[in-house]
Amino acid sequence: MTDRPMLDRSPFLQGPYAPVTEEITAFDLPVTGRLPAGLDGRYLRNGPNPLGSDDPGSHWFLGAGMVHGVRLRDGRAEWYRNRWVRSRHVAEALGERWPGGPVHAGMDFAANTHVIAHAGRTLATVEAGALPYELTDELDTVGPCDFDGTLPGGYAAHTKLDRRTGELHAVAYFWGWDHLQHVVLGPDGRVSGTTDVPVVDGPMVHDFALTERYVVLLDLPVTFSMDAAAAGSQLPYTWNPSHQPRVGLLPRAGTTRAVRWFEVDPCWVFHTLNAYDDGDRVVVDLCRYEGSFDVSALGSGGPLTLERWTVDPTARRVARQCLDDRPQEFPRVDDRVLSRAHRYGYSAATGQVDRGTVQMDGTFQDAAFADALLKHDLLAGTVEEHRFPRNAAIGEAVFAPSTPDADEDDGHVMAFVHDPDRGATDLVVLAAQDFAGPPVATVHLPARVPLGFHGSWIVDG
């Protein structure tokens, strides 16, 4: 511990962000309510958990990854585990032998952003050039993964699975590149193709979108800064007003695959909800920050809203429509409809939440950590809210279908929710079609899960 006053420390080392100090394995977790018998699989979530770090300038994006998981089967919560991703640094800090493996451009990092499954692998992912880390089903580290030597460079935090083809798509970037790289993994878990897309200034590209015909690229004005890097900035990406914001359509098929770019107003986008083809046009739903964005401080330059962008290649313009003007982040759909038209979306409310002496102000520092989840019916134009107890902190919501062939929205929405009364976290399971109603089940974890980033529901088999 340190005697440094709390206000002098990074906000991401305090309160609901504060890292935990132990790895825990617990079995036969207590459950309030009844877990649906069809929920057989693992709910996993990744996020930063600095290891022995008390740097007052610690940036949330840079903490070593820790994956938290709950195993559900036959109406029971079989186990909870949390494990640090064993990069070389983490392994050495824990007094362990690093498992070894490939490293891109000397960047070995304990991937802290997402956790996914593909081709029999469980992967912790991160952006900006580092490789993903493969984990066992029990979340122990196997080692860094370059997909059997088929990945030519770094990888990405976010991926999109086309369930019709079995292909996993990603868009990678790296400060040392003059391009973005679209990477496709085949159903066998090996890279089946890459496409380089030239860009200038080294833009940060956290997420993208996918349709049946296009990879939708977001080239926005947060770019690599050599001045910030030379000054020792932990995160050398800054708002660049001279960088033209634009959205690109990269054809998924064809021999030339030339990207077409379309200008948009200055803004920042961390996350897309989904995208689909609408005749000759492309529809993209996303969370948009108005105006400039300071990614180093995680402050928003303007309102954060859920928007629909309609890209019209014939008219060469992008039309914007506000779908919901309340602040929200971490949007998700039923993953089975990725790249196709969707009706429903789920997101975490942010901003203007009274927590006693703390007033949330809508900046990304408070993103996804209010006390409500939102469900959007984008066909009816309605929004339902599930409100949790005051002072609860809710992470990203993930949808799990009732059966593989169930209709969209026929299933459950799951999220980690901090219970301030217990000082620990629950896995809360909501019925998607009774979203505002009481939880179907609440799994009581034996520990706190720090506020973090993204996760997945990984079904058995």
Protein backbone atom coordinates (compact mmCIF):
# COMPACT_ATOMS: atom_id res chain seq x y z
CA MET A 1 0.00 0.00 0.00
CA THR A 2 0.99 3.65 -0.40
CA ASP A 3 0.48 6.72 1.74
CA ARG A 4 -0.17 8.82 -1.35
CA PRO A 5 -3.55 10.63 -1.05
CA MET A 6 -6.25 8.93 -3.10
CA LEU A 7 -6.85 12.06 -5.18
CA ASP A 8 -3.21 11.93 -6.36
CA ARG A 9 -3.61 8.41 -7.69
CA SER A 10 -5.00 7.32 -11.02
CA PRO A 11 -8.80 7.02 -10.88
CA PHE A 12 -8.32 3.62 -12.49
CA LEU A 13 -6.59 2.32 -9.35
CA GLN A 14 -9.51 3.30 -7.12
CA GLY A 15 -13.10 2.38 -6.35
CA PRO A 16 -14.77 -0.05 -8.76
CA TYR A 17 -11.74 0.11 -11.08
CA ALA A 18 -9.26 -0.93 -8.39
CA PRO A 19 -7.34 -4.10 -9.30
CA VAL A 20 -7.75 -7.28 -7.30
CA THR A 21 -4.68 -8.90 -5.87
CA GLU A 22 -5.47 -12.61 -5.93
CA GLU A 23 -6.35 -15.33 -8.38
CA ILE A 24 -9.34 -17.29 -7.13
CA THR A 25 -10.95 -20.61 -8.01
CA ALA A 26 -14.35 -21.32 -6.49
CA PHE A 27 -16.80 -24.15 -7.15
CA ASP A 28 -20.57 -24.60 -6.80
CA LEU A 29 -21.41 -20.93 -6.65
CA PRO A 30 -24.62 -19.87 -4.87
CA VAL A 31 -27.45 -18.79 -7.15
CA THR A 32 -30.55 -16.72 -6.45
CA GLY A 33 -33.35 -17.68 -8.84
CA ARG A 34 -32.95 -20.44 -11.38
CA LEU A 35 -30.37 -20.66 -14.16
CA PRO A 36 -31.93 -21.69 -17.49
CA ALA A 37 -31.05 -25.30 -18.23
CA GLY A 38 -30.00 -24.40 -21.78
CA LEU A 39 -27.20 -22.09 -20.64
CA ASP A 40 -24.30 -24.51 -20.96
CA GLY A 41 -20.99 -22.77 -21.48
CA ARG A 42 -18.61 -20.15 -20.13
CA TYR A 43 -19.23 -16.45 -19.59
CA LEU A 44 -15.81 -14.80 -19.90
CA ARG A 45 -14.75 -11.18 -19.61
CA ASN A 46 -11.36 -9.50 -19.96
CA GLY A 47 -10.09 -6.26 -18.46
CA PRO A 48 -7.06 -4.42 -17.08
CA ASN A 49 -5.80 -5.51 -13.66
CA PRO A 50 -2.41 -3.92 -12.93
CA LEU A 51 -0.07 -6.28 -11.12
CA GLY A 52 1.52 -4.55 -8.16
CA SER A 53 1.22 -1.21 -9.93
CA ASP A 54 0.78 2.00 -7.98
CA ASP A 55 1.85 4.43 -10.67
CA PRO A 56 -0.24 7.58 -10.11
CA GLY A 57 -0.42 8.05 -13.89
CA SER A 58 -1.60 4.55 -14.66
CA HIS A 59 -3.77 4.50 -17.76
CA TRP A 60 -6.70 2.14 -17.83
CA PHE A 61 -5.78 0.76 -21.26
CA LEU A 62 -2.35 -0.39 -20.08
CA GLY A 63 -3.05 -2.66 -17.12
CA ALA A 64 -2.17 -6.33 -17.47
CA GLY A 65 -5.13 -8.35 -18.66
CA MET A 66 -7.09 -10.52 -16.25
CA VAL A 67 -9.83 -12.83 -17.55
CA HIS A 68 -12.77 -13.62 -15.28
CA GLY A 69 -15.00 -16.59 -16.04
CA VAL A 70 -18.10 -18.39 -14.80
CA ARG A 71 -18.89 -21.94 -15.94
CA LEU A 72 -22.62 -22.73 -16.25
CA ARG A 73 -23.96 -26.23 -16.87
CA ASP A 74 -27.25 -28.06 -16.21
CA GLY A 75 -28.71 -25.19 -14.22
CA ARG A 76 -25.65 -24.89 -11.97
CA ALA A 77 -22.82 -22.38 -11.66
CA GLU A 78 -19.94 -24.85 -11.56
CA TRP A 79 -17.02 -22.49 -11.09
CA TYR A 80 -15.61 -19.00 -11.04
CA ARG A 81 -12.00 -18.31 -11.99
CA ASN A 82 -9.89 -15.19 -12.52
CA ARG A 83 -6.46 -15.43 -14.09
CA TRP A 84 -3.85 -12.92 -15.21
CA VAL A 85 -2.73 -13.34 -18.80
CA ARG A 86 0.89 -14.50 -18.48
CA SER A 87 2.95 -12.21 -20.63
CA ARG A 88 6.67 -12.37 -19.91
CA HIS A 89 6.40 -9.42 -17.49
CA VAL A 90 3.42 -10.88 -15.62
CA ALA A 91 4.94 -14.36 -15.42
CA GLU A 92 8.21 -12.99 -14.03
CA ALA A 93 6.36 -10.79 -11.53
CA LEU A 94 4.51 -13.87 -10.31
CA GLY A 95 7.74 -15.83 -10.04
CA GLU A 96 6.79 -18.16 -12.88
CA ARG A 97 8.39 -19.27 -16.10
CA TRP A 98 7.00 -17.46 -19.14
CA PRO A 99 5.49 -20.03 -21.53
CA GLY A 100 7.24 -18.36 -24.48
CA GLY A 101 6.09 -17.94 -28.04
CA PRO A 102 6.05 -15.48 -30.94
CA VAL A 103 6.22 -11.72 -30.37
CA HIS A 104 5.43 -9.01 -32.95
CA ALA A 105 7.81 -6.03 -33.16
CA GLY A 106 9.10 -6.66 -29.65
CA MET A 107 5.64 -5.97 -28.20
CA ASP A 108 4.73 -8.62 -25.65
CA PHE A 109 1.67 -7.53 -23.70
CA ALA A 110 -0.81 -9.27 -21.36
CA ALA A 111 -3.83 -8.84 -23.67
CA ASN A 112 -6.49 -6.98 -21.69
CA THR A 113 -9.36 -5.98 -24.00
CA HIS A 114 -11.49 -8.90 -25.18
CA VAL A 115 -11.74 -12.66 -24.86
CA ILE A 116 -13.17 -14.75 -27.70
CA ALA A 117 -13.26 -18.33 -28.96
CA HIS A 118 -12.45 -19.52 -32.47
CA ALA A 119 -11.45 -22.86 -33.96
CA GLY A 120 -11.06 -24.52 -30.59
CA ARG A 121 -8.95 -21.74 -29.09
CA THR A 122 -9.83 -19.31 -26.32
CA LEU A 123 -8.03 -16.02 -27.06
CA ALA A 124 -7.39 -12.88 -25.04
CA THR A 125 -7.01 -10.01 -27.51
CA VAL A 126 -5.66 -6.47 -27.59
CA GLU A 127 -4.94 -3.89 -30.29
CA ALA A 128 -2.04 -1.80 -31.59
CA GLY A 129 0.36 -4.53 -32.69
CA ALA A 130 0.57 -7.06 -29.89
CA LEU A 131 -0.43 -10.70 -30.44
CA PRO A 132 -3.38 -12.38 -28.76
CA TYR A 133 -2.76 -14.88 -25.98
CA GLU A 134 -4.23 -18.37 -26.05
CA LEU A 135 -5.83 -19.66 -22.84
CA THR A 136 -7.04 -23.06 -21.71
CA ASP A 137 -10.71 -23.68 -21.00
CA GLU A 138 -9.85 -23.03 -17.33
CA LEU A 139 -8.20 -19.69 -18.25
CA ASP A 140 -4.58 -20.70 -17.71
CA THR A 141 -2.16 -19.18 -20.23
CA VAL A 142 -0.92 -21.33 -23.12
CA GLY A 143 1.12 -18.53 -24.72
CA PRO A 144 1.07 -15.85 -27.42
CA CYS A 145 -0.65 -16.92 -30.63
CA ASP A 146 0.19 -16.14 -34.26
CA PHE A 147 -2.25 -18.75 -35.59
CA ASP A 148 0.33 -21.42 -36.34
CA GLY A 149 2.73 -18.94 -37.90
CA THR A 150 0.20 -17.62 -40.45
CA LEU A 151 -0.28 -14.10 -38.98
CA PRO A 152 2.12 -11.68 -40.70
CA GLY A 153 1.99 -8.92 -38.08
CA GLY A 154 0.02 -7.80 -35.05
CA TYR A 155 -3.64 -8.40 -34.34
CA ALA A 156 -6.71 -6.51 -33.07
CA ALA A 157 -8.93 -6.18 -30.01
CA HIS A 158 -12.24 -6.64 -31.83
CA THR A 159 -13.22 -9.38 -34.25
CA LYS A 160 -16.39 -10.21 -36.20
CA LEU A 161 -17.43 -13.78 -36.97
CA ASP A 162 -19.42 -14.45 -40.14
CA ARG A 163 -21.34 -17.52 -39.04
CA ARG A 164 -22.32 -18.42 -42.61
CA THR A 165 -18.71 -18.81 -43.74
CA GLY A 166 -17.03 -19.55 -40.40
CA GLU A 167 -14.54 -16.74 -41.11
CA LEU A 168 -13.31 -14.48 -38.33
CA HIS A 169 -12.52 -10.93 -39.47
CA ALA A 170 -10.29 -8.35 -37.77
CA VAL A 171 -8.72 -4.98 -38.63
CA ALA A 172 -5.23 -4.54 -37.18
CA TYR A 173 -3.19 -1.37 -36.82
CA PHE A 174 0.28 -0.59 -35.49
CA TRP A 175 2.11 2.71 -34.99
CA GLY A 176 4.95 1.55 -37.22
CA TRP A 177 2.68 0.79 -40.20
CA ASP A 178 1.47 3.08 -42.98
CA HIS A 179 -1.62 0.93 -43.43
CA LEU A 180 -4.44 -0.93 -41.73
CA GLN A 181 -4.57 -4.67 -42.23
CA HIS A 182 -7.76 -6.63 -42.75
CA VAL A 183 -7.10 -10.16 -41.47
CA VAL A 184 -9.33 -13.18 -42.13
CA LEU A 185 -9.06 -16.39 -40.14
CA GLY A 186 -10.60 -19.47 -41.69
CA PRO A 187 -12.70 -22.01 -39.77
CA ASP A 188 -9.45 -23.92 -39.19
CA GLY A 189 -8.02 -21.04 -37.13
CA ARG A 190 -5.31 -20.11 -39.65
CA VAL A 191 -5.00 -16.85 -41.58
CA SER A 192 -6.63 -17.33 -44.97
CA GLY A 193 -6.03 -13.82 -46.29
CA THR A 194 -4.88 -10.28 -45.51
CA THR A 195 -5.46 -6.96 -47.23
CA ASP A 196 -3.42 -3.82 -46.53
CA VAL A 197 -5.28 -0.48 -46.69
CA PRO A 198 -3.02 2.60 -46.91
CA VAL A 199 -3.65 5.34 -44.31
CA VAL A 200 -1.79 8.41 -43.10
CA ASP A 201 -0.91 9.63 -39.58
CA GLY A 202 -1.22 6.21 -37.93
CA PRO A 203 -4.88 6.29 -36.82
CA MET A 204 -6.13 4.38 -33.80
CA VAL A 205 -8.77 1.90 -35.00
CA HIS A 206 -10.33 0.23 -32.00
CA ASP A 207 -13.30 -1.34 -33.79
CA PHE A 208 -14.83 -1.80 -37.24
CA ALA A 209 -18.00 -3.30 -38.71
CA LEU A 210 -18.81 -6.06 -41.16
CA THR A 211 -21.58 -6.60 -43.71
CA GLU A 212 -22.12 -9.41 -46.19
CA ARG A 213 -20.33 -7.33 -48.85
CA TYR A 214 -18.01 -4.95 -46.99
CA VAL A 215 -15.54 -4.42 -44.21
CA VAL A 216 -16.47 -1.03 -42.76
CA LEU A 217 -13.37 0.94 -41.69
CA LEU A 218 -13.31 3.93 -39.31
CA ASP A 219 -10.41 6.31 -39.98
CA LEU A 220 -10.95 9.02 -37.35
CA PRO A 221 -8.78 11.83 -35.93
CA VAL A 222 -7.13 10.05 -32.98
CA THR A 223 -3.67 9.32 -34.39
CA PHE A 224 -0.18 8.34 -33.30
CA SER A 225 1.87 11.25 -31.96
CA MET A 226 5.64 11.05 -32.07
CA ASP A 227 5.77 14.15 -29.83
CA ALA A 228 3.66 12.40 -27.21
CA ALA A 229 5.81 9.28 -27.50
CA ALA A 230 9.01 11.32 -27.12
CA ALA A 231 7.54 13.02 -24.07
CA GLY A 232 7.01 9.63 -22.47
CA SER A 233 3.24 9.51 -22.78
CA GLN A 234 1.85 6.14 -21.72
CA LEU A 235 -0.62 6.24 -24.60
CA PRO A 236 0.89 8.23 -27.51
CA TYR A 237 -2.38 8.73 -29.43
CA THR A 238 -3.88 12.23 -29.52
CA TRP A 239 -6.68 14.16 -31.17
CA ASN A 240 -5.43 15.36 -34.56
CA PRO A 241 -7.67 18.11 -36.00
CA SER A 242 -5.82 18.05 -39.33
CA HIS A 243 -6.71 14.38 -39.93
CA GLN A 244 -9.82 14.10 -42.11
CA PRO A 245 -12.40 11.80 -40.46
CA ARG A 246 -13.84 9.25 -42.86
CA VAL A 247 -15.52 5.88 -43.14
CA GLY A 248 -14.35 3.33 -45.71
CA LEU A 249 -16.01 0.44 -47.52
CA LEU A 250 -13.58 -2.37 -48.32
CA PRO A 251 -15.20 -5.05 -50.54
CA ARG A 252 -14.96 -8.52 -49.07
CA ALA A 253 -14.90 -10.12 -52.54
CA GLY A 254 -13.20 -9.35 -55.83
CA THR A 255 -9.67 -9.11 -57.16
CA THR A 256 -8.92 -5.40 -56.71
CA ARG A 257 -10.74 -4.82 -53.38
CA ALA A 258 -10.13 -1.07 -53.53
CA VAL A 259 -11.54 0.77 -50.53
CA ARG A 260 -13.93 3.71 -51.08
CA TRP A 261 -13.76 6.51 -48.52
CA PHE A 262 -16.52 8.90 -47.43
CA GLU A 263 -15.96 11.98 -45.28
CA VAL A 264 -17.79 12.47 -41.98
CA ASP A 265 -17.89 15.24 -39.39
CA PRO A 266 -15.21 15.28 -36.66
CA CYS A 267 -16.04 12.68 -34.03
CA TRP A 268 -14.74 9.61 -32.26
CA VAL A 269 -16.09 6.04 -32.23
CA PHE A 270 -14.87 3.29 -29.95
CA HIS A 271 -17.54 0.69 -30.71
CA THR A 272 -19.96 -0.34 -33.42
CA LEU A 273 -23.18 -2.21 -32.71
CA ASN A 274 -23.52 -3.89 -36.12
CA ALA A 275 -23.75 -3.17 -39.84
CA TYR A 276 -25.61 -4.55 -42.84
CA ASP A 277 -26.22 -4.01 -46.54
CA ASP A 278 -29.43 -2.19 -47.53
CA GLY A 279 -29.58 -2.42 -51.30
CA ASP A 280 -26.63 -0.39 -52.57
CA ARG A 281 -26.26 1.37 -49.23
CA VAL A 282 -24.55 0.29 -46.01
CA VAL A 283 -26.10 0.85 -42.59
CA VAL A 284 -23.82 1.08 -39.52
CA ASP A 285 -25.06 1.51 -35.95
CA LEU A 286 -22.48 2.82 -33.48
CA CYS A 287 -21.81 4.92 -30.39
CA ARG A 288 -20.51 8.33 -31.47
CA TYR A 289 -18.67 10.98 -29.45
CA GLU A 290 -19.30 14.45 -30.86
CA GLY A 291 -16.25 16.52 -31.77
CA SER A 292 -12.74 16.13 -30.37
CA PHE A 293 -11.82 13.26 -28.05
CA ASP A 294 -8.90 13.09 -25.62
CA VAL A 295 -8.08 9.40 -25.54
CA SER A 296 -5.14 9.91 -23.18
CA ALA A 297 -7.47 11.30 -20.51
CA LEU A 298 -10.50 9.28 -21.66
CA GLY A 299 -12.59 12.42 -21.81
CA SER A 300 -15.30 12.98 -24.38
CA GLY A 301 -15.37 16.18 -26.38
CA GLY A 302 -19.13 16.22 -26.73
CA PRO A 303 -22.35 14.21 -26.38
CA LEU A 304 -22.16 10.42 -26.61
CA THR A 305 -25.15 8.95 -28.44
CA LEU A 306 -26.26 5.85 -30.31
CA GLU A 307 -26.36 6.72 -34.02
CA ARG A 308 -27.09 5.15 -37.39
CA TRP A 309 -24.82 6.02 -40.28
CA THR A 310 -26.12 5.22 -43.75
CA VAL A 311 -23.34 5.20 -46.34
CA ASP A 312 -24.61 5.88 -49.86
CA PRO A 313 -21.85 5.12 -52.39
CA THR A 314 -23.91 6.51 -55.27
CA ALA A 315 -24.52 9.88 -53.62
CA ARG A 316 -21.07 9.73 -51.98
CA ARG A 317 -22.40 10.83 -48.62
CA VAL A 318 -23.00 9.54 -45.10
CA ALA A 319 -26.34 10.35 -43.52
CA ARG A 320 -26.60 10.40 -39.73
CA GLN A 321 -29.61 9.53 -37.59
CA CYS A 322 -29.73 9.67 -33.79
CA LEU A 323 -31.24 6.43 -32.50
CA ASP A 324 -31.03 7.31 -28.81
CA ASP A 325 -29.63 10.49 -27.29
CA ARG A 326 -28.91 9.16 -23.82
CA PRO A 327 -25.21 8.46 -23.10
CA GLN A 328 -24.31 4.79 -23.58
CA GLU A 329 -21.40 2.58 -24.55
CA PHE A 330 -20.34 -1.04 -25.19
CA PRO A 331 -23.16 -1.82 -27.65
CA ARG A 332 -23.80 -5.49 -28.49
CA VAL A 333 -26.15 -7.50 -30.69
CA ASP A 334 -27.00 -11.16 -30.85
CA ASP A 335 -23.73 -12.34 -32.43
CA ARG A 336 -25.65 -14.63 -34.77
CA VAL A 337 -26.85 -11.58 -36.76
CA LEU A 338 -23.46 -9.90 -37.14
CA SER A 339 -23.12 -8.54 -40.70
CA ARG A 340 -26.88 -8.92 -41.34
CA ALA A 341 -29.88 -6.72 -40.54
CA HIS A 342 -30.61 -6.63 -36.82
CA ARG A 343 -33.62 -5.47 -34.83
CA TYR A 344 -32.32 -5.49 -31.26
CA GLY A 345 -29.29 -4.09 -29.50
CA TYR A 346 -28.09 -3.96 -25.90
CA SER A 347 -25.87 -1.32 -24.32
CA ALA A 348 -24.74 0.05 -20.97
CA ALA A 349 -26.05 3.41 -19.81
CA THR A 350 -23.43 6.00 -18.91
CA GLY A 351 -23.26 9.47 -17.43
CA GLN A 352 -25.33 11.61 -15.07
CA VAL A 353 -25.67 8.90 -12.47
CA ASP A 354 -25.74 10.08 -8.87
CA ARG A 355 -23.58 7.88 -6.64
CA GLY A 356 -23.69 9.89 -3.46
CA THR A 357 -20.75 12.30 -3.64
CA VAL A 358 -19.72 11.14 -7.12
CA GLN A 359 -21.50 12.67 -10.11
CA MET A 360 -20.93 10.86 -13.38
CA ASP A 361 -20.42 13.35 -16.18
CA GLY A 362 -20.76 11.26 -19.34
CA THR A 363 -17.06 11.00 -20.15
CA PHE A 364 -15.60 7.67 -21.17
CA GLN A 365 -14.01 7.39 -17.73
CA ASP A 366 -17.53 6.59 -16.52
CA ALA A 367 -18.59 4.66 -19.62
CA ALA A 368 -20.56 1.47 -19.09
CA PHE A 369 -20.48 1.96 -15.35
CA ALA A 370 -23.79 3.54 -14.53
CA ASP A 371 -26.53 1.49 -12.88
CA ALA A 372 -28.62 0.52 -15.92
CA LEU A 373 -28.59 -1.59 -19.07
CA LEU A 374 -30.55 -0.62 -22.17
CA LYS A 375 -32.37 -2.75 -24.74
CA HIS A 376 -33.14 -1.17 -28.11
CA ASP A 377 -35.90 -2.30 -30.45
CA LEU A 378 -34.66 -0.50 -33.54
CA LEU A 379 -37.68 -1.48 -35.61
CA ALA A 380 -40.23 -0.17 -33.13
CA GLY A 381 -37.98 2.71 -32.07
CA THR A 382 -38.34 1.89 -28.37
CA VAL A 383 -35.88 1.53 -25.50
CA GLU A 384 -36.31 -0.57 -22.36
CA GLU A 385 -34.21 -0.04 -19.26
CA HIS A 386 -33.16 -2.48 -16.58
CA ARG A 387 -32.25 -0.48 -13.52
CA PHE A 388 -29.97 -2.00 -10.90
CA PRO A 389 -29.63 -0.86 -7.27
CA ARG A 390 -28.05 2.53 -6.66
CA ASN A 391 -24.23 2.38 -6.53
CA ALA A 392 -24.12 -0.83 -8.56
CA ALA A 393 -21.59 -0.78 -11.41
CA ILE A 394 -22.50 -2.68 -14.56
CA GLY A 395 -20.22 -3.84 -17.32
CA GLU A 396 -20.92 -4.81 -20.91
CA ALA A 397 -24.00 -6.96 -21.55
CA VAL A 398 -23.66 -10.12 -23.68
CA PHE A 399 -26.57 -11.92 -25.36
CA ALA A 400 -26.97 -15.72 -25.22
CA PRO A 401 -29.66 -17.32 -27.44
CA SER A 402 -32.04 -19.85 -25.87
CA THR A 403 -31.14 -22.37 -28.59
CA PRO A 404 -28.86 -22.18 -31.63
CA ASP A 405 -31.88 -21.62 -33.90
CA ALA A 406 -33.88 -19.34 -31.62
CA ASP A 407 -35.22 -16.06 -32.97
CA GLU A 408 -33.27 -12.87 -32.42
CA ASP A 409 -33.92 -11.65 -28.85
CA ASP A 410 -35.11 -15.11 -27.74
CA GLY A 411 -32.54 -15.67 -25.04
CA HIS A 412 -30.80 -14.06 -22.11
CA VAL A 413 -28.64 -11.03 -21.44
CA MET A 414 -25.75 -11.50 -19.02
CA ALA A 415 -23.47 -9.01 -17.29
CA PHE A 416 -21.20 -8.69 -14.29
CA VAL A 417 -22.75 -6.35 -11.72
CA HIS A 418 -20.90 -5.11 -8.65
CA ASP A 419 -22.94 -5.50 -5.47
CA PRO A 420 -21.76 -2.77 -3.07
CA ASP A 421 -23.57 -4.39 -0.13
CA ARG A 422 -21.53 -7.59 -0.51
CA GLY A 423 -18.39 -5.90 -1.76
CA ALA A 424 -18.36 -8.53 -4.50
CA THR A 425 -19.71 -9.11 -7.99
CA ASP A 426 -22.70 -11.02 -9.33
CA LEU A 427 -23.29 -12.52 -12.74
CA VAL A 428 -26.84 -11.35 -13.49
CA VAL A 429 -28.95 -13.18 -16.07
CA LEU A 430 -31.92 -11.29 -17.56
CA ALA A 431 -34.63 -12.66 -19.84
CA ALA A 432 -34.22 -10.61 -23.02
CA GLN A 433 -37.98 -10.59 -23.64
CA ASP A 434 -38.68 -9.42 -20.07
CA PHE A 435 -35.76 -7.06 -19.96
CA ALA A 436 -37.08 -4.64 -17.33
CA GLY A 437 -38.31 -7.46 -15.11
CA PRO A 438 -36.46 -9.14 -12.27
CA PRO A 439 -33.39 -11.22 -13.11
CA VAL A 440 -33.98 -14.85 -14.00
CA ALA A 441 -30.91 -15.75 -11.96
CA THR A 442 -28.09 -14.11 -10.06
CA VAL A 443 -24.82 -15.98 -9.58
CA HIS A 444 -22.98 -14.70 -6.51
CA LEU A 445 -19.23 -14.62 -7.07
CA PRO A 446 -16.83 -14.85 -4.12
CA ALA A 447 -14.87 -11.77 -5.18
CA ARG A 448 -15.06 -8.39 -6.86
CA VAL A 449 -14.58 -8.15 -10.62
CA PRO A 450 -12.99 -4.76 -11.42
CA LEU A 451 -14.70 -2.72 -14.09
CA GLY A 452 -13.26 -3.80 -17.39
CA PHE A 453 -13.84 -4.20 -21.09
CA HIS A 454 -15.32 -6.96 -23.26
CA GLY A 455 -16.48 -10.52 -22.96
CA SER A 456 -18.16 -13.47 -24.66
CA TRP A 457 -20.64 -16.22 -24.02
CA ILE A 458 -18.87 -19.37 -25.25
CA VAL A 459 -21.20 -22.34 -25.63
CA ASP A 460 -20.10 -25.90 -25.06
CA GLY A 461 -18.94 -27.88 -28.05
